[in-house]
Protein backbone atom coordinates (compact mmCIF):
# COMPACT_ATOMS: atom_id res chain seq x y z
CA MET A 1 238.33 -3.35 103.95
CA ARG A 2 238.96 -6.53 105.90
CA VAL A 3 237.90 -10.56 105.87
CA VAL A 4 238.73 -13.73 106.31
CA LEU A 5 238.61 -16.76 104.35
CA ILE A 6 237.82 -20.41 105.81
CA GLY A 7 237.24 -23.40 104.47
CA PRO A 8 238.76 -27.10 104.56
CA PRO A 9 241.71 -28.29 102.94
CA ALA A 10 242.17 -27.06 99.10
CA SER A 11 238.76 -25.05 98.98
CA GLY A 12 241.47 -22.12 97.16
CA LYS A 13 241.67 -19.81 100.12
CA SER A 14 244.73 -18.64 99.09
CA ARG A 15 244.22 -18.25 95.25
CA ILE A 16 240.79 -16.58 96.16
CA GLY A 17 242.22 -14.88 99.00
CA LYS A 18 245.09 -13.34 96.86
CA LYS A 19 242.71 -12.03 93.61
CA LEU A 20 240.49 -10.57 95.91
CA ALA A 21 242.74 -8.94 97.71
CA ARG A 22 244.14 -7.53 94.71
CA MET A 23 240.31 -6.72 92.97
CA LEU A 24 239.50 -4.65 96.85
CA GLY A 25 243.53 -3.17 96.79
CA THR A 26 243.85 -3.94 100.22
CA GLY A 27 246.62 -6.44 101.56
CA PHE A 28 246.75 -10.40 102.16
CA VAL A 29 247.89 -12.27 104.50
CA ASP A 30 247.85 -16.14 104.45
CA THR A 31 248.01 -17.53 107.95
CA ASP A 32 250.18 -21.06 106.77
CA ARG A 33 252.36 -18.99 104.38
CA LEU A 34 253.24 -16.85 107.55
CA VAL A 35 254.16 -20.63 108.99
CA VAL A 36 256.63 -21.63 106.81
CA THR A 37 257.89 -18.97 105.78
CA SER A 38 259.10 -18.82 110.34
CA HIS A 39 259.49 -22.15 110.69
CA GLY A 40 259.86 -24.38 107.48
CA PRO A 41 256.68 -26.67 104.92
CA ILE A 42 254.06 -27.96 107.14
CA PRO A 43 254.90 -31.67 106.17
CA GLU A 44 258.16 -31.68 107.94
CA ILE A 45 256.93 -29.63 110.35
CA PHE A 46 253.76 -32.29 110.92
CA ALA A 47 256.44 -34.64 111.34
CA SER A 48 259.46 -34.17 112.70
CA HIS A 49 257.46 -31.90 115.54
CA GLY A 50 253.65 -33.33 115.35
CA GLU A 51 250.35 -31.29 114.82
CA ALA A 52 249.75 -29.50 118.36
CA HIS A 53 253.43 -27.90 117.61
CA PHE A 54 252.33 -26.93 114.18
CA ARG A 55 248.80 -26.01 115.54
CA ALA A 56 250.81 -23.37 117.93
CA LEU A 57 252.48 -22.10 115.48
CA GLU A 58 249.61 -21.36 113.32
CA ARG A 59 247.66 -19.50 116.35
CA ALA A 60 250.96 -17.39 116.63
CA ALA A 61 249.86 -17.15 112.67
CA VAL A 62 246.66 -15.80 113.41
CA VAL A 63 247.17 -13.44 116.20
CA THR A 64 249.30 -11.92 113.11
CA ALA A 65 247.56 -11.53 110.40
CA LEU A 66 244.80 -10.03 112.34
CA GLU A 67 247.15 -7.42 113.01
CA SER A 68 246.44 -5.87 109.52
CA ASP A 69 243.60 -5.02 107.28
CA GLY A 70 243.08 -6.63 104.34
CA VAL A 71 241.87 -10.18 102.88
CA VAL A 72 243.50 -12.82 105.98
CA ALA A 73 243.29 -16.42 104.55
CA PHE A 74 243.14 -19.05 106.79
CA GLY A 75 244.53 -22.38 107.15
CA GLY A 76 241.88 -25.04 107.19
CA GLY A 77 242.43 -26.29 110.72
CA ALA A 78 243.27 -22.83 112.20
CA VAL A 79 239.56 -22.22 113.32
CA LEU A 80 239.88 -25.39 115.33
CA ASP A 81 241.48 -22.95 118.15
CA GLN A 82 238.66 -21.48 120.61
CA GLU A 83 240.57 -18.53 120.93
CA THR A 84 241.14 -17.88 116.78
CA GLN A 85 237.12 -17.90 117.15
CA ARG A 86 236.59 -15.21 119.06
CA ASP A 87 239.11 -13.60 117.57
CA ILE A 88 237.57 -13.01 114.17
CA GLY A 89 234.42 -12.72 115.61
CA SER A 90 234.22 -8.88 114.29
CA TRP A 91 235.96 -9.57 110.99
CA PRO A 92 233.23 -10.61 108.24
CA VAL A 93 233.79 -14.62 108.06
CA VAL A 94 233.81 -15.92 104.61
CA LEU A 95 233.42 -20.19 104.26
CA LEU A 96 234.95 -20.49 100.78
CA SER A 97 234.15 -24.64 99.92
CA VAL A 98 234.07 -27.08 97.04
CA HIS A 99 233.12 -30.56 95.65
CA PRO A 100 234.66 -33.33 97.02
CA ASP A 101 235.59 -34.92 93.22
CA VAL A 102 237.38 -31.48 92.66
CA VAL A 103 238.91 -31.34 95.40
CA ALA A 104 240.92 -34.84 93.74
CA GLY A 105 242.79 -32.35 91.12
CA ARG A 106 243.53 -30.07 94.11
CA LEU A 107 245.84 -32.54 96.35
CA GLY A 108 247.72 -33.78 94.56
CA ASN A 109 250.69 -30.99 95.27
CA GLY A 110 251.43 -33.22 99.11
CA LYS A 111 251.88 -30.33 100.68
CA ARG A 112 249.20 -31.63 102.53
CA PRO A 113 249.88 -33.25 105.67
CA THR A 114 246.34 -33.81 107.46
CA VAL A 115 244.58 -34.63 104.24
CA PRO A 116 246.75 -36.74 101.48
CA ASP A 117 243.77 -38.12 99.74
CA VAL A 118 240.04 -36.85 98.75
CA GLU A 119 238.76 -40.13 101.12
CA THR A 120 240.70 -38.35 104.48
CA TRP A 121 239.71 -34.81 102.97
CA LYS A 122 236.06 -36.40 103.42
CA ALA A 123 236.42 -36.89 107.13
CA VAL A 124 238.26 -34.09 107.85
CA TYR A 125 235.98 -31.61 106.52
CA GLU A 126 232.59 -33.45 107.68
CA ARG A 127 234.25 -33.18 111.17
CA ARG A 128 234.69 -29.71 110.97
CA ARG A 129 231.58 -28.24 108.75
CA GLU A 130 229.48 -27.75 111.36
CA LEU A 131 232.41 -25.62 112.85
CA TYR A 132 232.99 -23.54 109.35
CA GLU A 133 229.32 -23.06 108.75
CA ARG A 134 228.38 -21.87 112.41
CA LEU A 135 231.70 -18.94 112.16
CA ALA A 136 231.03 -17.85 108.21
CA ASP A 137 228.62 -15.07 108.03
CA HIS A 138 228.79 -16.17 104.20
CA THR A 139 229.53 -19.16 102.19
CA ALA A 140 230.80 -19.16 98.24
CA ASP A 141 231.29 -22.52 96.10
CA THR A 142 235.01 -23.19 94.73
CA SER A 143 234.16 -25.84 92.79
CA SER A 144 233.65 -24.95 89.06
CA LEU A 145 233.47 -20.80 89.36
CA PRO A 146 236.74 -18.92 87.89
CA THR A 147 238.62 -17.03 90.89
CA GLU A 148 237.82 -14.29 89.33
CA ARG A 149 233.55 -14.75 90.04
CA VAL A 150 234.21 -16.19 93.39
CA ALA A 151 236.04 -13.42 94.46
CA ALA A 152 233.90 -11.42 92.63
CA GLU A 153 230.72 -12.45 94.43
CA ILE A 154 233.26 -12.15 97.53
CA MET A 155 233.61 -8.49 97.22
CA GLU A 156 229.71 -7.23 96.36
CA TRP A 157 228.91 -9.29 99.45
CA LEU A 158 231.36 -7.29 101.44
CA GLY A 159 230.09 -4.29 100.85
CA SER A 160 225.99 -4.96 100.89
CA ALA A 161 223.47 -5.62 103.54
CA ALA A 162 223.63 -8.87 103.88
CA ASN A 163 227.52 -8.70 105.58
CA PRO A 164 226.55 -8.28 109.33
CA LYS A 165 229.11 -6.94 109.58
CA ARG A 166 229.27 -4.13 107.49
CA ALA A 167 228.66 -1.49 109.37
CA ASP A 168 230.86 -2.31 112.22
CA GLN A 169 233.14 -2.30 109.74
CA LYS A 170 232.72 1.04 108.41
CA ALA A 171 232.34 2.75 111.73
CA SER A 172 236.50 0.93 112.24
CA ASN A 173 237.31 2.48 108.99
CA GLU A 174 236.04 5.85 109.79
CA LYS A 175 237.14 6.03 113.50
CA LYS A 176 240.71 5.39 112.11
CA GLU A 177 241.01 7.89 109.50
CA ILE A 178 239.98 10.68 112.30
CA VAL A 179 243.03 8.93 114.83
CA ARG A 180 245.79 9.84 111.46
């Protein structure tokens, strides 16, 4: 089972992704975590090298993450890269949305250099909203439901006929079994 989680910063991609991976019994990869592990804290990368350098590191993390099966959580801006957009074409993509009122409580940790406050978050989200919606096969709101409920909703959708990439994924899994 594989799925990519996209969405604005502080929408819960990492939190939901970990829970979903446990429920599915599969691996979990967070592209921001890959960048941090290899290159240090994201705010420091932005401060020392700028956003363009960070986006290049993020793109490399996306390539690495998509080599695995399971749940992949992208950083909020990872989908801005056109190659990344093409790369996820065969993956089921879930957009995690969140209401701006809820985001305020999630931004207080200072780890998000592109969205230090709610007003900036709103502007960033509005610029990316159309792209997120175009890339998504399914949307789940993380504003008020517990993590377990959101993950269960996504899990149900992944196995349903409403998932347009379900047949492709099943065929891919069967092909992997034959090769093993």
